[in-house]
N, C-alpha and C. Protein backbone atom coordinates (compact mmCIF):
# COMPACT_ATOMS: atom_id res chain seq x y z
N UNK A 1 21.73 -4.38 28.67
CA UNK A 1 23.11 -4.19 29.07
C UNK A 1 23.30 -2.74 29.48
N UNK A 2 24.14 -2.53 30.45
CA UNK A 2 24.47 -1.18 30.89
C UNK A 2 25.99 -1.03 30.88
N UNK A 3 26.47 0.04 30.29
CA UNK A 3 27.89 0.33 30.24
C UNK A 3 28.12 1.71 30.84
N UNK A 4 29.28 1.90 31.43
CA UNK A 4 29.66 3.22 31.91
C UNK A 4 30.82 3.72 31.09
N UNK A 5 30.92 5.03 31.00
CA UNK A 5 32.00 5.63 30.25
C UNK A 5 32.06 7.11 30.53
N UNK A 6 32.71 7.82 29.63
CA UNK A 6 32.83 9.26 29.77
C UNK A 6 32.95 9.88 28.38
N UNK A 7 32.85 11.20 28.33
CA UNK A 7 32.95 11.91 27.06
C UNK A 7 34.29 12.62 27.03
N UNK A 8 35.02 12.43 25.94
CA UNK A 8 36.30 13.12 25.75
C UNK A 8 36.28 13.71 24.35
N UNK A 9 36.45 15.02 24.28
CA UNK A 9 36.44 15.73 23.00
C UNK A 9 35.16 15.45 22.21
N UNK A 10 34.04 15.33 22.93
CA UNK A 10 32.76 15.14 22.27
C UNK A 10 32.46 13.72 21.85
N UNK A 11 33.33 12.77 22.19
CA UNK A 11 33.14 11.37 21.80
C UNK A 11 32.88 10.54 23.05
N UNK A 12 31.87 9.66 23.01
CA UNK A 12 31.58 8.79 24.14
C UNK A 12 32.56 7.63 24.13
N UNK A 13 33.30 7.48 25.23
CA UNK A 13 34.24 6.38 25.39
C UNK A 13 33.72 5.46 26.48
N UNK A 14 33.50 4.20 26.13
CA UNK A 14 32.99 3.25 27.11
C UNK A 14 34.13 2.65 27.90
N UNK A 15 34.00 2.64 29.21
CA UNK A 15 35.01 2.02 30.06
C UNK A 15 34.99 0.51 29.80
N UNK A 16 36.11 -0.04 29.40
CA UNK A 16 36.17 -1.46 29.11
C UNK A 16 35.69 -1.82 27.72
N UNK A 17 35.14 -0.88 27.00
CA UNK A 17 34.68 -1.15 25.64
C UNK A 17 33.44 -2.02 25.62
N UNK A 18 32.93 -2.25 24.45
CA UNK A 18 31.74 -3.09 24.28
C UNK A 18 31.81 -3.72 22.90
N UNK A 19 31.51 -5.00 22.84
CA UNK A 19 31.45 -5.69 21.56
C UNK A 19 29.99 -5.99 21.27
N UNK A 20 29.49 -5.40 20.22
CA UNK A 20 28.09 -5.56 19.84
C UNK A 20 28.02 -6.11 18.43
N UNK A 21 26.94 -6.81 18.12
CA UNK A 21 26.81 -7.34 16.76
C UNK A 21 26.63 -6.21 15.75
N UNK A 22 27.10 -6.42 14.55
CA UNK A 22 26.96 -5.44 13.47
C UNK A 22 25.50 -5.08 13.30
N UNK A 23 25.21 -3.79 13.20
CA UNK A 23 23.85 -3.32 12.98
C UNK A 23 23.02 -3.21 14.25
N UNK A 24 23.61 -3.48 15.39
CA UNK A 24 22.87 -3.39 16.64
C UNK A 24 22.42 -1.94 16.86
N UNK A 25 21.22 -1.78 17.37
CA UNK A 25 20.73 -0.46 17.70
C UNK A 25 21.07 -0.18 19.15
N UNK A 26 21.50 1.06 19.41
CA UNK A 26 21.86 1.44 20.78
C UNK A 26 21.14 2.72 21.15
N UNK A 27 20.93 2.91 22.43
CA UNK A 27 20.35 4.13 22.97
C UNK A 27 21.29 4.63 24.04
N UNK A 28 21.61 5.91 24.00
CA UNK A 28 22.50 6.51 24.99
C UNK A 28 21.67 7.42 25.87
N UNK A 29 21.71 7.17 27.18
CA UNK A 29 21.03 8.02 28.15
C UNK A 29 22.09 8.65 29.03
N UNK A 30 22.11 9.98 29.08
CA UNK A 30 23.11 10.67 29.88
C UNK A 30 22.65 10.76 31.33
N UNK A 31 23.57 10.49 32.23
CA UNK A 31 23.29 10.58 33.65
C UNK A 31 24.43 11.34 34.31
N UNK A 32 24.13 12.14 35.32
CA UNK A 32 25.22 12.88 35.97
C UNK A 32 26.19 11.90 36.63
N UNK A 33 27.46 12.22 36.50
CA UNK A 33 28.49 11.40 37.14
C UNK A 33 28.47 11.68 38.64
N UNK A 34 28.80 10.69 39.41
CA UNK A 34 28.85 10.91 40.86
C UNK A 34 30.09 11.72 41.18
N UNK A 35 29.97 12.59 42.13
CA UNK A 35 31.10 13.42 42.54
C UNK A 35 32.17 12.54 43.18
N UNK A 36 33.40 12.88 42.97
CA UNK A 36 34.48 12.12 43.59
C UNK A 36 35.60 13.08 43.99
N UNK A 37 36.42 12.62 44.88
CA UNK A 37 37.54 13.43 45.34
C UNK A 37 38.77 13.09 44.50
N UNK A 38 39.77 13.96 44.51
CA UNK A 38 41.01 13.63 43.78
C UNK A 38 41.61 12.31 44.25
N UNK A 39 41.52 12.04 45.54
CA UNK A 39 42.07 10.79 46.07
C UNK A 39 41.33 9.58 45.50
N UNK A 40 40.00 9.69 45.35
CA UNK A 40 39.23 8.59 44.77
C UNK A 40 39.59 8.37 43.30
N UNK A 41 40.13 9.40 42.66
CA UNK A 41 40.54 9.29 41.26
C UNK A 41 42.01 8.94 41.12
N UNK A 42 42.69 8.61 42.24
CA UNK A 42 44.05 8.12 42.17
C UNK A 42 45.15 9.12 42.49
N UNK A 43 44.80 10.36 42.83
CA UNK A 43 45.83 11.35 43.17
C UNK A 43 46.24 11.17 44.62
N UNK A 44 47.52 11.37 44.95
CA UNK A 44 47.97 11.27 46.34
C UNK A 44 47.25 12.29 47.22
N UNK A 45 47.06 11.94 48.48
CA UNK A 45 46.38 12.81 49.44
C UNK A 45 47.09 14.16 49.50
N UNK A 46 46.34 15.26 49.30
CA UNK A 46 46.87 16.61 49.40
C UNK A 46 47.71 17.06 48.21
N UNK A 47 47.72 16.29 47.12
CA UNK A 47 48.57 16.61 45.96
C UNK A 47 48.34 18.03 45.44
N UNK A 48 47.09 18.39 45.21
CA UNK A 48 46.81 19.70 44.62
C UNK A 48 47.07 20.83 45.61
N UNK A 49 46.83 20.59 46.89
CA UNK A 49 47.14 21.61 47.90
C UNK A 49 48.64 21.89 47.95
N UNK A 50 49.44 20.86 47.74
CA UNK A 50 50.90 21.01 47.82
C UNK A 50 51.52 21.55 46.53
N UNK A 51 50.88 21.33 45.39
CA UNK A 51 51.50 21.71 44.12
C UNK A 51 50.90 22.94 43.46
N UNK A 52 49.64 23.27 43.73
CA UNK A 52 49.01 24.43 43.11
C UNK A 52 49.78 25.69 43.46
N UNK A 53 50.22 26.42 42.46
CA UNK A 53 50.95 27.65 42.67
C UNK A 53 52.39 27.45 43.13
N UNK A 54 52.91 26.24 42.95
CA UNK A 54 54.25 25.96 43.48
C UNK A 54 55.38 26.52 42.62
N UNK A 55 55.10 26.95 41.41
CA UNK A 55 56.14 27.57 40.59
C UNK A 55 56.15 29.05 40.92
N UNK A 56 57.13 29.44 41.73
CA UNK A 56 57.19 30.84 42.14
C UNK A 56 58.32 31.60 41.45
N UNK A 57 58.84 31.03 40.37
CA UNK A 57 59.90 31.66 39.59
C UNK A 57 59.26 32.68 38.65
N UNK A 58 59.52 33.95 38.85
CA UNK A 58 58.90 35.02 38.04
C UNK A 58 59.31 34.94 36.57
N UNK A 59 60.41 34.24 36.27
CA UNK A 59 60.87 34.14 34.87
C UNK A 59 60.24 32.96 34.15
N UNK A 60 59.48 32.13 34.87
CA UNK A 60 58.84 30.97 34.24
C UNK A 60 57.74 31.45 33.30
N UNK A 61 57.78 30.97 32.05
CA UNK A 61 56.77 31.34 31.05
C UNK A 61 56.26 30.06 30.40
N UNK A 62 54.96 29.92 30.34
CA UNK A 62 54.38 28.78 29.64
C UNK A 62 54.53 29.01 28.15
N UNK A 63 55.10 28.03 27.47
CA UNK A 63 55.34 28.14 26.05
C UNK A 63 54.04 27.98 25.26
N UNK A 64 53.97 28.53 24.03
CA UNK A 64 52.78 28.36 23.20
C UNK A 64 52.46 26.87 23.02
N UNK A 65 51.18 26.54 23.01
CA UNK A 65 50.76 25.15 22.94
C UNK A 65 50.39 24.69 21.54
N UNK A 66 50.41 25.61 20.57
CA UNK A 66 50.06 25.23 19.20
C UNK A 66 48.55 25.16 19.02
N UNK A 67 48.15 24.76 17.84
CA UNK A 67 46.72 24.68 17.49
C UNK A 67 46.33 23.22 17.28
N UNK A 68 45.15 22.85 17.75
CA UNK A 68 44.63 21.51 17.50
C UNK A 68 44.00 21.46 16.12
N UNK A 69 44.03 20.29 15.47
CA UNK A 69 43.34 20.17 14.18
C UNK A 69 41.84 20.30 14.39
N UNK A 70 41.16 20.80 13.38
CA UNK A 70 39.71 20.97 13.45
C UNK A 70 39.04 19.59 13.54
N UNK A 71 38.06 19.46 14.42
CA UNK A 71 37.35 18.20 14.60
C UNK A 71 36.48 17.90 13.37
N UNK A 72 36.28 16.64 13.12
CA UNK A 72 35.41 16.20 12.03
C UNK A 72 33.98 16.50 12.43
N UNK A 73 33.24 17.14 11.55
CA UNK A 73 31.84 17.45 11.85
C UNK A 73 30.96 16.27 11.51
N UNK A 74 30.01 15.98 12.40
CA UNK A 74 29.09 14.88 12.19
C UNK A 74 27.73 15.48 11.86
N UNK A 75 27.13 15.00 10.78
CA UNK A 75 25.82 15.52 10.37
C UNK A 75 24.71 14.80 11.12
């Protein structure tokens, strides 16, 4: 079986998920993702060209984002 997915925050997420029997052994082989354009990923044509740097208000300040909880360490 072959599944595709991606890594988010260090965790492999399978697209569509996978149901495997308890105790099944798995092997993960990393392969480079194919390059894609923003449009291929669902963004409207020219979205980033039109919006990048569009906030020209000198008083605009990004608020503090807070701290993320520490990730669980895996041995």
